[in-house]
PDB file of N, CA and C in Angstrom:
ATOM      1  N   PHE A   1       9.198   6.586  15.121  1.00  0.00           N
ATOM      2  CA  PHE A   1       9.247   5.137  15.084  1.00  0.00           C
ATOM      3  C   PHE A   1      10.649   4.633  15.380  1.00  0.00           C
ATOM      4  N   GLU A   2      11.639   5.266  14.770  1.00  0.00           N
ATOM      5  CA  GLU A   2      13.011   4.815  14.935  1.00  0.00           C
ATOM      6  C   GLU A   2      13.450   4.888  16.399  1.00  0.00           C
ATOM      7  N   LYS A   3      13.170   5.999  17.060  1.00  0.00           N
ATOM      8  CA  LYS A   3      13.547   6.150  18.460  1.00  0.00           C
ATOM      9  C   LYS A   3      12.797   5.154  19.333  1.00  0.00           C
ATOM     10  N   ARG A   4      11.526   4.976  19.007  1.00  0.00           N
ATOM     11  CA  ARG A   4      10.715   4.031  19.787  1.00  0.00           C
ATOM     12  C   ARG A   4      11.265   2.615  19.663  1.00  0.00           C
ATOM     13  N   LEU A   5      11.638   2.238  18.449  1.00  0.00           N
ATOM     14  CA  LEU A   5      12.187   0.903  18.232  1.00  0.00           C
ATOM     15  C   LEU A   5      13.544   0.747  18.914  1.00  0.00           C
ATOM     16  N   MET A   6      14.368   1.783  18.834  1.00  0.00           N
ATOM     17  CA  MET A   6      15.694   1.722  19.464  1.00  0.00           C
ATOM     18  C   MET A   6      15.591   1.595  20.985  1.00  0.00           C
ATOM     19  N   ASN A   7      14.586   2.242  21.561  1.00  0.00           N
ATOM     20  CA  ASN A   7      14.423   2.229  23.016  1.00  0.00           C
ATOM     21  C   ASN A   7      13.551   1.082  23.524  1.00  0.00           C
ATOM     22  N   MET A   8      12.995   0.305  22.625  1.00  0.00           N
ATOM     23  CA  MET A   8      12.114  -0.789  23.012  1.00  0.00           C
ATOM     24  C   MET A   8      12.921  -1.892  23.717  1.00  0.00           C
ATOM     25  N   PRO A   9      12.440  -2.338  24.861  1.00  0.00           N
ATOM     26  CA  PRO A   9      13.123  -3.434  25.544  1.00  0.00           C
ATOM     27  C   PRO A   9      13.128  -4.706  24.670  1.00  0.00           C
ATOM     28  N   THR A  10      14.146  -5.512  24.843  1.00  0.00           N
ATOM     29  CA  THR A  10      14.285  -6.736  24.051  1.00  0.00           C
ATOM     30  C   THR A  10      13.070  -7.641  24.229  1.00  0.00           C
ATOM     31  N   LYS A  11      12.540  -7.715  25.435  1.00  0.00           N
ATOM     32  CA  LYS A  11      11.362  -8.563  25.678  1.00  0.00           C
ATOM     33  C   LYS A  11      10.160  -8.077  24.874  1.00  0.00           C
ATOM     34  N   ALA A  12       9.982  -6.772  24.801  1.00  0.00           N
ATOM     35  CA  ALA A  12       8.860  -6.216  24.044  1.00  0.00           C
ATOM     36  C   ALA A  12       9.022  -6.507  22.552  1.00  0.00           C
ATOM     37  N   PHE A  13      10.240  -6.353  22.034  1.00  0.00           N
ATOM     38  CA  PHE A  13      10.488  -6.660  20.626  1.00  0.00           C
ATOM     39  C   PHE A  13      10.213  -8.127  20.351  1.00  0.00           C
ATOM     40  N   SER A  14      10.662  -8.994  21.235  1.00  0.00           N
ATOM     41  CA  SER A  14      10.412 -10.432  21.084  1.00  0.00           C
ATOM     42  C   SER A  14       8.917 -10.735  21.118  1.00  0.00           C
ATOM     43  N   ALA A  15       8.183 -10.029  21.966  1.00  0.00           N
ATOM     44  CA  ALA A  15       6.735 -10.240  22.045  1.00  0.00           C
ATOM     45  C   ALA A  15       6.060  -9.862  20.730  1.00  0.00           C
ATOM     46  N   TYR A  16       6.507  -8.775  20.098  1.00  0.00           N
ATOM     47  CA  TYR A  16       5.965  -8.396  18.799  1.00  0.00           C
ATOM     48  C   TYR A  16       6.261  -9.462  17.750  1.00  0.00           C
ATOM     49  N   LYS A  17       7.488  -9.977  17.770  1.00  0.00           N
ATOM     50  CA  LYS A  17       7.863 -11.028  16.817  1.00  0.00           C
ATOM     51  C   LYS A  17       7.012 -12.274  17.013  1.00  0.00           C
ATOM     52  N   ILE A  18       6.795 -12.662  18.267  1.00  0.00           N
ATOM     53  CA  ILE A  18       5.995 -13.849  18.556  1.00  0.00           C
ATOM     54  C   ILE A  18       4.560 -13.651  18.090  1.00  0.00           C
ATOM     55  N   ALA A  19       4.003 -12.477  18.337  1.00  0.00           N
ATOM     56  CA  ALA A  19       2.627 -12.199  17.905  1.00  0.00           C
ATOM     57  C   ALA A  19       2.513 -12.262  16.385  1.00  0.00           C
ATOM     58  N   LEU A  20       3.491 -11.694  15.693  1.00  0.00           N
ATOM     59  CA  LEU A  20       3.473 -11.739  14.231  1.00  0.00           C
ATOM     60  C   LEU A  20       3.637 -13.166  13.744  1.00  0.00           C
ATOM     61  N   LEU A  21       4.512 -13.920  14.354  1.00  0.00           N
ATOM     62  CA  LEU A  21       4.728 -15.315  13.982  1.00  0.00           C
ATOM     63  C   LEU A  21       3.453 -16.126  14.168  1.00  0.00           C
ATOM     64  N   GLU A  22       2.761 -15.914  15.272  1.00  0.00           N
ATOM     65  CA  GLU A  22       1.507 -16.625  15.512  1.00  0.00           C
ATOM     66  C   GLU A  22       0.465 -16.290  14.447  1.00  0.00           C
ATOM     67  N   LYS A  23       0.440 -15.043  14.034  1.00  0.00           N
ATOM     68  CA  LYS A  23      -0.508 -14.637  12.986  1.00  0.00           C
ATOM     69  C   LYS A  23      -0.160 -15.290  11.649  1.00  0.00           C
ATOM     70  N   VAL A  24       1.126 -15.376  11.343  1.00  0.00           N
ATOM     71  CA  VAL A  24       1.567 -15.941  10.070  1.00  0.00           C
ATOM     72  C   VAL A  24       1.255 -17.434   9.980  1.00  0.00           C
ATOM     73  N   VAL A  25       1.485 -18.171  11.064  1.00  0.00           N
ATOM     74  CA  VAL A  25       1.318 -19.624  11.017  1.00  0.00           C
ATOM     75  C   VAL A  25      -0.071 -20.090  11.460  1.00  0.00           C
ATOM     76  N   LYS A  26      -0.951 -19.172  11.795  1.00  0.00           N
ATOM     77  CA  LYS A  26      -2.293 -19.539  12.254  1.00  0.00           C
ATOM     78  C   LYS A  26      -3.005 -20.378  11.201  1.00  0.00           C
ATOM     79  N   ARG A  27      -3.551 -21.492  11.643  1.00  0.00           N
ATOM     80  CA  ARG A  27      -4.260 -22.388  10.736  1.00  0.00           C
ATOM     81  C   ARG A  27      -5.568 -21.748  10.270  1.00  0.00           C
ATOM     82  N   ASP A  28      -5.951 -22.079   9.053  1.00  0.00           N
ATOM     83  CA  ASP A  28      -7.235 -21.608   8.546  1.00  0.00           C
ATOM     84  C   ASP A  28      -8.348 -22.246   9.365  1.00  0.00           C
ATOM     85  N   GLU A  29      -9.329 -21.435   9.739  1.00  0.00           N
ATOM     86  CA  GLU A  29     -10.432 -21.949  10.532  1.00  0.00           C
ATOM     87  C   GLU A  29     -11.576 -22.454   9.664  1.00  0.00           C
ATOM     88  N   ARG A  30     -11.631 -21.982   8.445  1.00  0.00           N
ATOM     89  CA  ARG A  30     -12.705 -22.379   7.522  1.00  0.00           C
ATOM     90  C   ARG A  30     -12.108 -22.757   6.182  1.00  0.00           C
ATOM     91  N   LEU A  31     -12.804 -23.607   5.483  1.00  0.00           N
ATOM     92  CA  LEU A  31     -12.352 -24.033   4.166  1.00  0.00           C
ATOM     93  C   LEU A  31     -12.258 -22.843   3.213  1.00  0.00           C
ATOM     94  N   GLY A  32     -13.174 -21.895   3.352  1.00  0.00           N
ATOM     95  CA  GLY A  32     -13.150 -20.705   2.503  1.00  0.00           C
ATOM     96  C   GLY A  32     -11.882 -19.886   2.677  1.00  0.00           C
ATOM     97  N   GLU A  33     -11.350 -19.820   3.909  1.00  0.00           N
ATOM     98  CA  GLU A  33     -10.097 -19.103   4.158  1.00  0.00           C
ATOM     99  C   GLU A  33      -8.937 -19.785   3.438  1.00  0.00           C
ATOM    100  N   GLU A  34      -8.914 -21.104   3.496  1.00  0.00           N
ATOM    101  CA  GLU A  34      -7.845 -21.843   2.823  1.00  0.00           C
ATOM    102  C   GLU A  34      -7.941 -21.661   1.312  1.00  0.00           C
ATOM    103  N   ALA A  35      -9.160 -21.769   0.788  1.00  0.00           N
ATOM    104  CA  ALA A  35      -9.348 -21.599  -0.658  1.00  0.00           C
ATOM    105  C   ALA A  35      -8.942 -20.199  -1.095  1.00  0.00           C
ATOM    106  N   ALA A  36      -9.308 -19.191  -0.305  1.00  0.00           N
ATOM    107  CA  ALA A  36      -8.937 -17.809  -0.648  1.00  0.00           C
ATOM    108  C   ALA A  36      -7.421 -17.637  -0.640  1.00  0.00           C
ATOM    109  N   ARG A  37      -6.752 -18.284   0.300  1.00  0.00           N
ATOM    110  CA  ARG A  37      -5.293 -18.189   0.370  1.00  0.00           C
ATOM    111  C   ARG A  37      -4.650 -18.799  -0.875  1.00  0.00           C
ATOM    112  N   TRP A  38      -5.141 -19.971  -1.298  1.00  0.00           N
ATOM    113  CA  TRP A  38      -4.582 -20.605  -2.501  1.00  0.00           C
ATOM    114  C   TRP A  38      -4.907 -19.795  -3.750  1.00  0.00           C
ATOM    115  N   TRP A  39      -6.128 -19.282  -3.831  1.00  0.00           N
ATOM    116  CA  TRP A  39      -6.482 -18.479  -5.005  1.00  0.00           C
ATOM    117  C   TRP A  39      -5.683 -17.184  -5.054  1.00  0.00           C
ATOM    118  N   ASN A  40      -5.343 -16.636  -3.913  1.00  0.00           N
ATOM    119  CA  ASN A  40      -4.500 -15.433  -3.888  1.00  0.00           C
ATOM    120  C   ASN A  40      -3.143 -15.719  -4.514  1.00  0.00           C
ATOM    121  N   GLU A  41      -2.581 -16.892  -4.233  1.00  0.00           N
ATOM    122  CA  GLU A  41      -1.305 -17.270  -4.852  1.00  0.00           C
ATOM    123  C   GLU A  41      -1.452 -17.341  -6.371  1.00  0.00           C
ATOM    124  N   ILE A  42      -2.554 -17.895  -6.819  1.00  0.00           N
ATOM    125  CA  ILE A  42      -2.776 -18.061  -8.261  1.00  0.00           C
ATOM    126  C   ILE A  42      -3.012 -16.715  -8.937  1.00  0.00           C
ATOM    127  N   THR A  43      -3.892 -15.903  -8.374  1.00  0.00           N
ATOM    128  CA  THR A  43      -4.237 -14.632  -9.027  1.00  0.00           C
ATOM    129  C   THR A  43      -3.106 -13.608  -8.967  1.00  0.00           C
ATOM    130  N   SER A  44      -2.194 -13.762  -8.009  1.00  0.00           N
ATOM    131  CA  SER A  44      -1.062 -12.836  -7.926  1.00  0.00           C
ATOM    132  C   SER A  44       0.164 -13.365  -8.669  1.00  0.00           C
ATOM    133  N   PHE A  45       0.015 -14.524  -9.310  1.00  0.00           N
ATOM    134  CA  PHE A  45       1.102 -15.147 -10.077  1.00  0.00           C
ATOM    135  C   PHE A  45       2.329 -15.414  -9.211  1.00  0.00           C
ATOM    136  N   GLN A  46       2.146 -15.667  -7.941  1.00  0.00           N
ATOM    137  CA  GLN A  46       3.254 -15.910  -7.029  1.00  0.00           C
ATOM    138  C   GLN A  46       3.570 -17.402  -6.908  1.00  0.00           C
ATOM    139  N   TYR A  47       2.545 -18.222  -6.738  1.00  0.00           N
ATOM    140  CA  TYR A  47       2.664 -19.684  -6.636  1.00  0.00           C
ATOM    141  C   TYR A  47       3.617 -20.112  -5.524  1.00  0.00           C
ATOM    142  N   SER A  48       3.605 -19.396  -4.437  1.00  0.00           N
ATOM    143  CA  SER A  48       4.442 -19.737  -3.295  1.00  0.00           C
ATOM    144  C   SER A  48       3.602 -20.591  -2.346  1.00  0.00           C
ATOM    145  N   TRP A  49       3.567 -21.878  -2.606  1.00  0.00           N
ATOM    146  CA  TRP A  49       2.681 -22.778  -1.865  1.00  0.00           C
ATOM    147  C   TRP A  49       3.145 -22.969  -0.427  1.00  0.00           C
ATOM    148  N   ARG A  50       4.375 -22.634  -0.139  1.00  0.00           N
ATOM    149  CA  ARG A  50       4.910 -22.738   1.216  1.00  0.00           C
ATOM    150  C   ARG A  50       5.084 -21.352   1.851  1.00  0.00           C
ATOM    151  N   ARG A  51       4.274 -20.413   1.434  1.00  0.00           N
ATOM    152  CA  ARG A  51       4.422 -19.027   1.882  1.00  0.00           C
ATOM    153  C   ARG A  51       4.425 -18.909   3.404  1.00  0.00           C
ATOM    154  N   ARG A  52       3.528 -19.584   4.069  1.00  0.00           N
ATOM    155  CA  ARG A  52       3.457 -19.459   5.526  1.00  0.00           C
ATOM    156  C   ARG A  52       4.765 -19.863   6.191  1.00  0.00           C
ATOM    157  N   SER A  53       5.306 -20.997   5.817  1.00  0.00           N
ATOM    158  CA  SER A  53       6.550 -21.442   6.458  1.00  0.00           C
ATOM    159  C   SER A  53       7.723 -20.539   6.057  1.00  0.00           C
ATOM    160  N   GLU A  54       7.723 -20.042   4.821  1.00  0.00           N
ATOM    161  CA  GLU A  54       8.790 -19.131   4.390  1.00  0.00           C
ATOM    162  C   GLU A  54       8.716 -17.812   5.155  1.00  0.00           C
ATOM    163  N   GLU A  55       7.503 -17.262   5.295  1.00  0.00           N
ATOM    164  CA  GLU A  55       7.350 -16.014   6.034  1.00  0.00           C
ATOM    165  C   GLU A  55       7.657 -16.218   7.515  1.00  0.00           C
ATOM    166  N   ALA A  56       7.284 -17.369   8.057  1.00  0.00           N
ATOM    167  CA  ALA A  56       7.581 -17.646   9.465  1.00  0.00           C
ATOM    168  C   ALA A  56       9.088 -17.672   9.684  1.00  0.00           C
ATOM    169  N   GLU A  57       9.819 -18.265   8.766  1.00  0.00           N
ATOM    170  CA  GLU A  57      11.272 -18.309   8.893  1.00  0.00           C
ATOM    171  C   GLU A  57      11.870 -16.901   8.813  1.00  0.00           C
ATOM    172  N   LEU A  58      11.322 -16.058   7.951  1.00  0.00           N
ATOM    173  CA  LEU A  58      11.794 -14.673   7.871  1.00  0.00           C
ATOM    174  C   LEU A  58      11.539 -13.923   9.176  1.00  0.00           C
ATOM    175  N   VAL A  59      10.355 -14.119   9.747  1.00  0.00           N
ATOM    176  CA  VAL A  59      10.037 -13.448  11.012  1.00  0.00           C
ATOM    177  C   VAL A  59      10.990 -13.918  12.102  1.00  0.00           C
ATOM    178  N   ARG A  60      11.255 -15.221  12.144  1.00  0.00           N
ATOM    179  CA  ARG A  60      12.180 -15.752  13.162  1.00  0.00           C
ATOM    180  C   ARG A  60      13.581 -15.150  13.014  1.00  0.00           C
ATOM    181  N   SER A  61      14.009 -14.940  11.789  1.00  0.00           N
ATOM    182  CA  SER A  61      15.393 -14.523  11.550  1.00  0.00           C
ATOM    183  C   SER A  61      15.615 -13.011  11.628  1.00  0.00           C
ATOM    184  N   ILE A  62      14.555 -12.217  11.586  1.00  0.00           N
ATOM    185  CA  ILE A  62      14.727 -10.765  11.547  1.00  0.00           C
ATOM    186  C   ILE A  62      15.137 -10.232  12.927  1.00  0.00           C
ATOM    187  N   SER A  63      15.976  -9.246  12.900  1.00  0.00           N
ATOM    188  CA  SER A  63      16.442  -8.635  14.155  1.00  0.00           C
ATOM    189  C   SER A  63      16.018  -7.170  14.207  1.00  0.00           C
ATOM    190  N   ARG A  64      16.162  -6.596  15.358  1.00  0.00           N
ATOM    191  CA  ARG A  64      15.865  -5.178  15.522  1.00  0.00           C
ATOM    192  C   ARG A  64      16.767  -4.348  14.606  1.00  0.00           C
ATOM    193  N   ASP A  65      18.033  -4.748  14.492  1.00  0.00           N
ATOM    194  CA  ASP A  65      18.968  -4.032  13.611  1.00  0.00           C
ATOM    195  C   ASP A  65      18.527  -4.108  12.152  1.00  0.00           C
ATOM    196  N   ASP A  66      17.964  -5.237  11.745  1.00  0.00           N
ATOM    197  CA  ASP A  66      17.450  -5.365  10.376  1.00  0.00           C
ATOM    198  C   ASP A  66      16.347  -4.344  10.113  1.00  0.00           C
ATOM    199  N   ILE A  67      15.442  -4.218  11.060  1.00  0.00           N
ATOM    200  CA  ILE A  67      14.321  -3.285  10.898  1.00  0.00           C
ATOM    201  C   ILE A  67      14.821  -1.847  10.922  1.00  0.00           C
ATOM    202  N   LEU A  68      15.716  -1.555  11.835  1.00  0.00           N
ATOM    203  CA  LEU A  68      16.274  -0.202  11.900  1.00  0.00           C
ATOM    204  C   LEU A  68      17.021   0.152  10.616  1.00  0.00           C
ATOM    205  N   SER A  69      17.764  -0.785  10.080  1.00  0.00           N
ATOM    206  CA  SER A  69      18.494  -0.556   8.838  1.00  0.00           C
ATOM    207  C   SER A  69      17.525  -0.311   7.675  1.00  0.00           C
ATOM    208  N   PHE A  70      16.475  -1.112   7.604  1.00  0.00           N
ATOM    209  CA  PHE A  70      15.468  -0.929   6.560  1.00  0.00           C
ATOM    210  C   PHE A  70      14.801   0.437   6.688  1.00  0.00           C
ATOM    211  N   PHE A  71      14.438   0.785   7.917  1.00  0.00           N
ATOM    212  CA  PHE A  71      13.800   2.072   8.161  1.00  0.00           C
ATOM    213  C   PHE A  71      14.717   3.223   7.757  1.00  0.00           C
ATOM    214  N   ALA A  72      15.977   3.134   8.139  1.00  0.00           N
ATOM    215  CA  ALA A  72      16.933   4.194   7.803  1.00  0.00           C
ATOM    216  C   ALA A  72      17.119   4.311   6.297  1.00  0.00           C
ATOM    217  N   ARG A  73      17.127   3.174   5.629  1.00  0.00           N
ATOM    218  CA  ARG A  73      17.369   3.188   4.181  1.00  0.00           C
ATOM    219  C   ARG A  73      16.190   3.751   3.392  1.00  0.00           C
ATOM    220  N   TYR A  74      14.978   3.464   3.824  1.00  0.00           N
ATOM    221  CA  TYR A  74      13.818   3.827   3.005  1.00  0.00           C
ATOM    222  C   TYR A  74      12.929   4.923   3.566  1.00  0.00           C
ATOM    223  N   PHE A  75      13.012   5.237   4.863  1.00  0.00           N
ATOM    224  CA  PHE A  75      12.025   6.146   5.430  1.00  0.00           C
ATOM    225  C   PHE A  75      12.581   7.373   6.131  1.00  0.00           C
ATOM    226  N   THR A  76      13.858   7.421   6.418  1.00  0.00           N
ATOM    227  CA  THR A  76      14.374   8.617   7.085  1.00  0.00           C
ATOM    228  C   THR A  76      14.431   9.776   6.090  1.00  0.00           C
ATOM    229  N   ARG A  77      14.462  10.964   6.602  1.00  0.00           N
ATOM    230  CA  ARG A  77      14.444  12.155   5.749  1.00  0.00           C
ATOM    231  C   ARG A  77      15.601  12.183   4.768  1.00  0.00           C
ATOM    232  N   SER A  78      16.758  11.716   5.180  1.00  0.00           N
ATOM    233  CA  SER A  78      17.916  11.761   4.290  1.00  0.00           C
ATOM    234  C   SER A  78      17.833  10.735   3.159  1.00  0.00           C
ATOM    235  N   SER A  79      16.949   9.763   3.305  1.00  0.00           N
ATOM    236  CA  SER A  79      16.864   8.726   2.274  1.00  0.00           C
ATOM    237  C   SER A  79      15.440   8.525   1.765  1.00  0.00           C
ATOM    238  N   ARG A  80      14.607   9.536   1.904  1.00  0.00           N
ATOM    239  CA  ARG A  80      13.214   9.384   1.494  1.00  0.00           C
ATOM    240  C   ARG A  80      13.118   9.054   0.028  1.00  0.00           C
ATOM    241  N   ARG A  81      12.268   8.107  -0.254  1.00  0.00           N
ATOM    242  CA  ARG A  81      12.019   7.689  -1.625  1.00  0.00           C
ATOM    243  C   ARG A  81      10.535   7.461  -1.794  1.00  0.00           C
ATOM    244  N   MET A  82      10.120   7.471  -3.012  1.00  0.00           N
ATOM    245  CA  MET A  82       8.732   7.210  -3.300  1.00  0.00           C
ATOM    246  C   MET A  82       8.491   5.702  -3.274  1.00  0.00           C
ATOM    247  N   ILE A  83       7.432   5.312  -2.621  1.00  0.00           N
ATOM    248  CA  ILE A  83       7.040   3.906  -2.615  1.00  0.00           C
ATOM    249  C   ILE A  83       5.721   3.816  -3.362  1.00  0.00           C
ATOM    250  N   THR A  84       5.693   2.958  -4.365  1.00  0.00           N
ATOM    251  CA  THR A  84       4.513   2.811  -5.198  1.00  0.00           C
ATOM    252  C   THR A  84       4.154   1.349  -5.311  1.00  0.00           C
ATOM    253  N   ALA A  85       2.890   1.045  -5.208  1.00  0.00           N
ATOM    254  CA  ALA A  85       2.415  -0.322  -5.419  1.00  0.00           C
ATOM    255  C   ALA A  85       1.743  -0.381  -6.785  1.00  0.00           C
ATOM    256  N   VAL A  86       2.123  -1.377  -7.561  1.00  0.00           N
ATOM    257  CA  VAL A  86       1.575  -1.521  -8.905  1.00  0.00           C
ATOM    258  C   VAL A  86       0.959  -2.902  -9.020  1.00  0.00           C
ATOM    259  N   PHE A  87      -0.254  -2.952  -9.503  1.00  0.00           N
ATOM    260  CA  PHE A  87      -0.936  -4.214  -9.708  1.00  0.00           C
ATOM    261  C   PHE A  87      -1.210  -4.361 -11.194  1.00  0.00           C
ATOM    262  N   ALA A  88      -0.675  -5.413 -11.788  1.00  0.00           N
ATOM    263  CA  ALA A  88      -0.850  -5.623 -13.224  1.00  0.00           C
ATOM    264  C   ALA A  88      -1.129  -7.089 -13.487  1.00  0.00           C
ATOM    265  N   ALA A  89      -2.178  -7.358 -14.219  1.00  0.00           N
ATOM    266  CA  ALA A  89      -2.510  -8.748 -14.537  1.00  0.00           C
ATOM    267  C   ALA A  89      -2.820  -8.913 -16.018  1.00  0.00           C
ATOM    268  N   SER A  90      -2.441  -7.957 -16.808  1.00  0.00           N
ATOM    269  CA  SER A  90      -2.747  -8.032 -18.230  1.00  0.00           C
ATOM    270  C   SER A  90      -1.651  -8.775 -18.984  1.00  0.00           C
ATOM    271  N   ALA A  91      -1.878  -8.990 -20.252  1.00  0.00           N
ATOM    272  CA  ALA A  91      -0.896  -9.679 -21.091  1.00  0.00           C
ATOM    273  C   ALA A  91       0.383  -8.871 -21.213  1.00  0.00           C
ATOM    274  N   GLU A  92       0.313  -7.564 -21.035  1.00  0.00           N
ATOM    275  CA  GLU A  92       1.480  -6.694 -21.161  1.00  0.00           C
ATOM    276  C   GLU A  92       2.243  -6.539 -19.838  1.00  0.00           C
ATOM    277  N   ARG A  93       1.904  -7.319 -18.845  1.00  0.00           N
ATOM    278  CA  ARG A  93       2.500  -7.192 -17.512  1.00  0.00           C
ATOM    279  C   ARG A  93       4.019  -7.272 -17.571  1.00  0.00           C
ATOM    280  N   ASP A  94       4.562  -8.284 -18.237  1.00  0.00           N
ATOM    281  CA  ASP A  94       6.011  -8.463 -18.279  1.00  0.00           C
ATOM    282  C   ASP A  94       6.711  -7.282 -18.958  1.00  0.00           C
ATOM    283  N   ILE A  95       6.103  -6.751 -20.013  1.00  0.00           N
ATOM    284  CA  ILE A  95       6.677  -5.600 -20.713  1.00  0.00           C
ATOM    285  C   ILE A  95       6.670  -4.382 -19.792  1.00  0.00           C
ATOM    286  N   ALA A  96       5.550  -4.155 -19.113  1.00  0.00           N
ATOM    287  CA  ALA A  96       5.428  -3.012 -18.203  1.00  0.00           C
ATOM    288  C   ALA A  96       6.405  -3.144 -17.035  1.00  0.00           C
ATOM    289  N   MET A  97       6.535  -4.348 -16.488  1.00  0.00           N
ATOM    290  CA  MET A  97       7.454  -4.558 -15.372  1.00  0.00           C
ATOM    291  C   MET A  97       8.911  -4.330 -15.804  1.00  0.00           C
ATOM    292  N   ALA A  98       9.270  -4.776 -16.997  1.00  0.00           N
ATOM    293  CA  ALA A  98      10.631  -4.580 -17.500  1.00  0.00           C
ATOM    294  C   ALA A  98      10.932  -3.089 -17.667  1.00  0.00           C
ATOM    295  N   ALA A  99       9.953  -2.338 -18.175  1.00  0.00           N
ATOM    296  CA  ALA A  99      10.131  -0.896 -18.353  1.00  0.00           C
ATOM    297  C   ALA A  99      10.281  -0.199 -17.000  1.00  0.00           C
ATOM    298  N   MET A 100       9.448  -0.583 -16.022  1.00  0.00           N
ATOM    299  CA  MET A 100       9.548   0.015 -14.691  1.00  0.00           C
ATOM    300  C   MET A 100      10.881  -0.335 -14.045  1.00  0.00           C
ATOM    301  N   GLN A 101      11.343  -1.576 -14.240  1.00  0.00           N
ATOM    302  CA  GLN A 101      12.623  -1.993 -13.663  1.00  0.00           C
ATOM    303  C   GLN A 101      13.770  -1.189 -14.256  1.00  0.00           C
ATOM    304  N   ALA A 102      13.747  -0.987 -15.559  1.00  0.00           N
ATOM    305  CA  ALA A 102      14.806  -0.208 -16.214  1.00  0.00           C
ATOM    306  C   ALA A 102      14.808   1.232 -15.710  1.00  0.00           C
ATOM    307  N   GLU A 103      13.625   1.829 -15.587  1.00  0.00           N
ATOM    308  CA  GLU A 103      13.530   3.202 -15.093  1.00  0.00           C
ATOM    309  C   GLU A 103      13.990   3.300 -13.638  1.00  0.00           C
ATOM    310  N   ALA A 104      13.605   2.320 -12.836  1.00  0.00           N
ATOM    311  CA  ALA A 104      14.004   2.313 -11.432  1.00  0.00           C
ATOM    312  C   ALA A 104      15.515   2.170 -11.302  1.00  0.00           C
ATOM    313  N   ASN A 105      16.111   1.282 -12.088  1.00  0.00           N
ATOM    314  CA  ASN A 105      17.564   1.095 -12.044  1.00  0.00           C
ATOM    315  C   ASN A 105      18.292   2.374 -12.408  1.00  0.00           C
ATOM    316  N   ALA A 106      17.781   3.096 -13.411  1.00  0.00           N
ATOM    317  CA  ALA A 106      18.393   4.349 -13.842  1.00  0.00           C
ATOM    318  C   ALA A 106      18.352   5.415 -12.745  1.00  0.00           C
ATOM    319  N   LYS A 107      17.317   5.354 -11.898  1.00  0.00           N
ATOM    320  CA  LYS A 107      17.152   6.344 -10.819  1.00  0.00           C
ATOM    321  C   LYS A 107      17.735   5.859  -9.496  1.00  0.00           C
ATOM    322  N   GLY A 108      18.281   4.642  -9.488  1.00  0.00           N
ATOM    323  CA  GLY A 108      18.820   4.103  -8.242  1.00  0.00           C
ATOM    324  C   GLY A 108      17.748   3.614  -7.299  1.00  0.00           C
ATOM    325  N   SER A 109      16.580   3.302  -7.831  1.00  0.00           N
ATOM    326  CA  SER A 109      15.481   2.809  -7.016  1.00  0.00           C
ATOM    327  C   SER A 109      15.424   1.283  -7.067  1.00  0.00           C
ATOM    328  N   ILE A 110      14.600   0.717  -6.224  1.00  0.00           N
ATOM    329  CA  ILE A 110      14.457  -0.728  -6.153  1.00  0.00           C
ATOM    330  C   ILE A 110      13.008  -1.094  -6.410  1.00  0.00           C
ATOM    331  N   ILE A 111      12.802  -2.110  -7.230  1.00  0.00           N
ATOM    332  CA  ILE A 111      11.451  -2.638  -7.452  1.00  0.00           C
ATOM    333  C   ILE A 111      11.393  -3.997  -6.780  1.00  0.00           C
ATOM    334  N   VAL A 112      10.422  -4.175  -5.916  1.00  0.00           N
ATOM    335  CA  VAL A 112      10.225  -5.447  -5.227  1.00  0.00           C
ATOM    336  C   VAL A 112       9.054  -6.133  -5.886  1.00  0.00           C
ATOM    337  N   THR A 113       9.277  -7.348  -6.346  1.00  0.00           N
ATOM    338  CA  THR A 113       8.188  -8.090  -7.008  1.00  0.00           C
ATOM    339  C   THR A 113       7.812  -9.284  -6.190  1.00  0.00           C
TER     340      THR A 113
END
């Protein structure tokens, strides 16, 4: 992936960014899609009502170097780390997240919430 990204022409990289941007800002075609999007914010405790515009701005601002740096930091053999997804919606969520954060900090890992 890294070599492919490094050798990718600038036009091709821009085309990928444009395609992703179009997907992010695409309007809901049905009321059910819009409702599901809002309920996802509620059930995930995120409440990011402007998520589409925020994600669109991130896509616009990201560069090839940003992606390469991220890839090198988290996925190359010299920096391999475990990536785990945790889903918690119980009353003990905050306690569990605090414990995971403390353990991650002790190991030099990062928790993305």
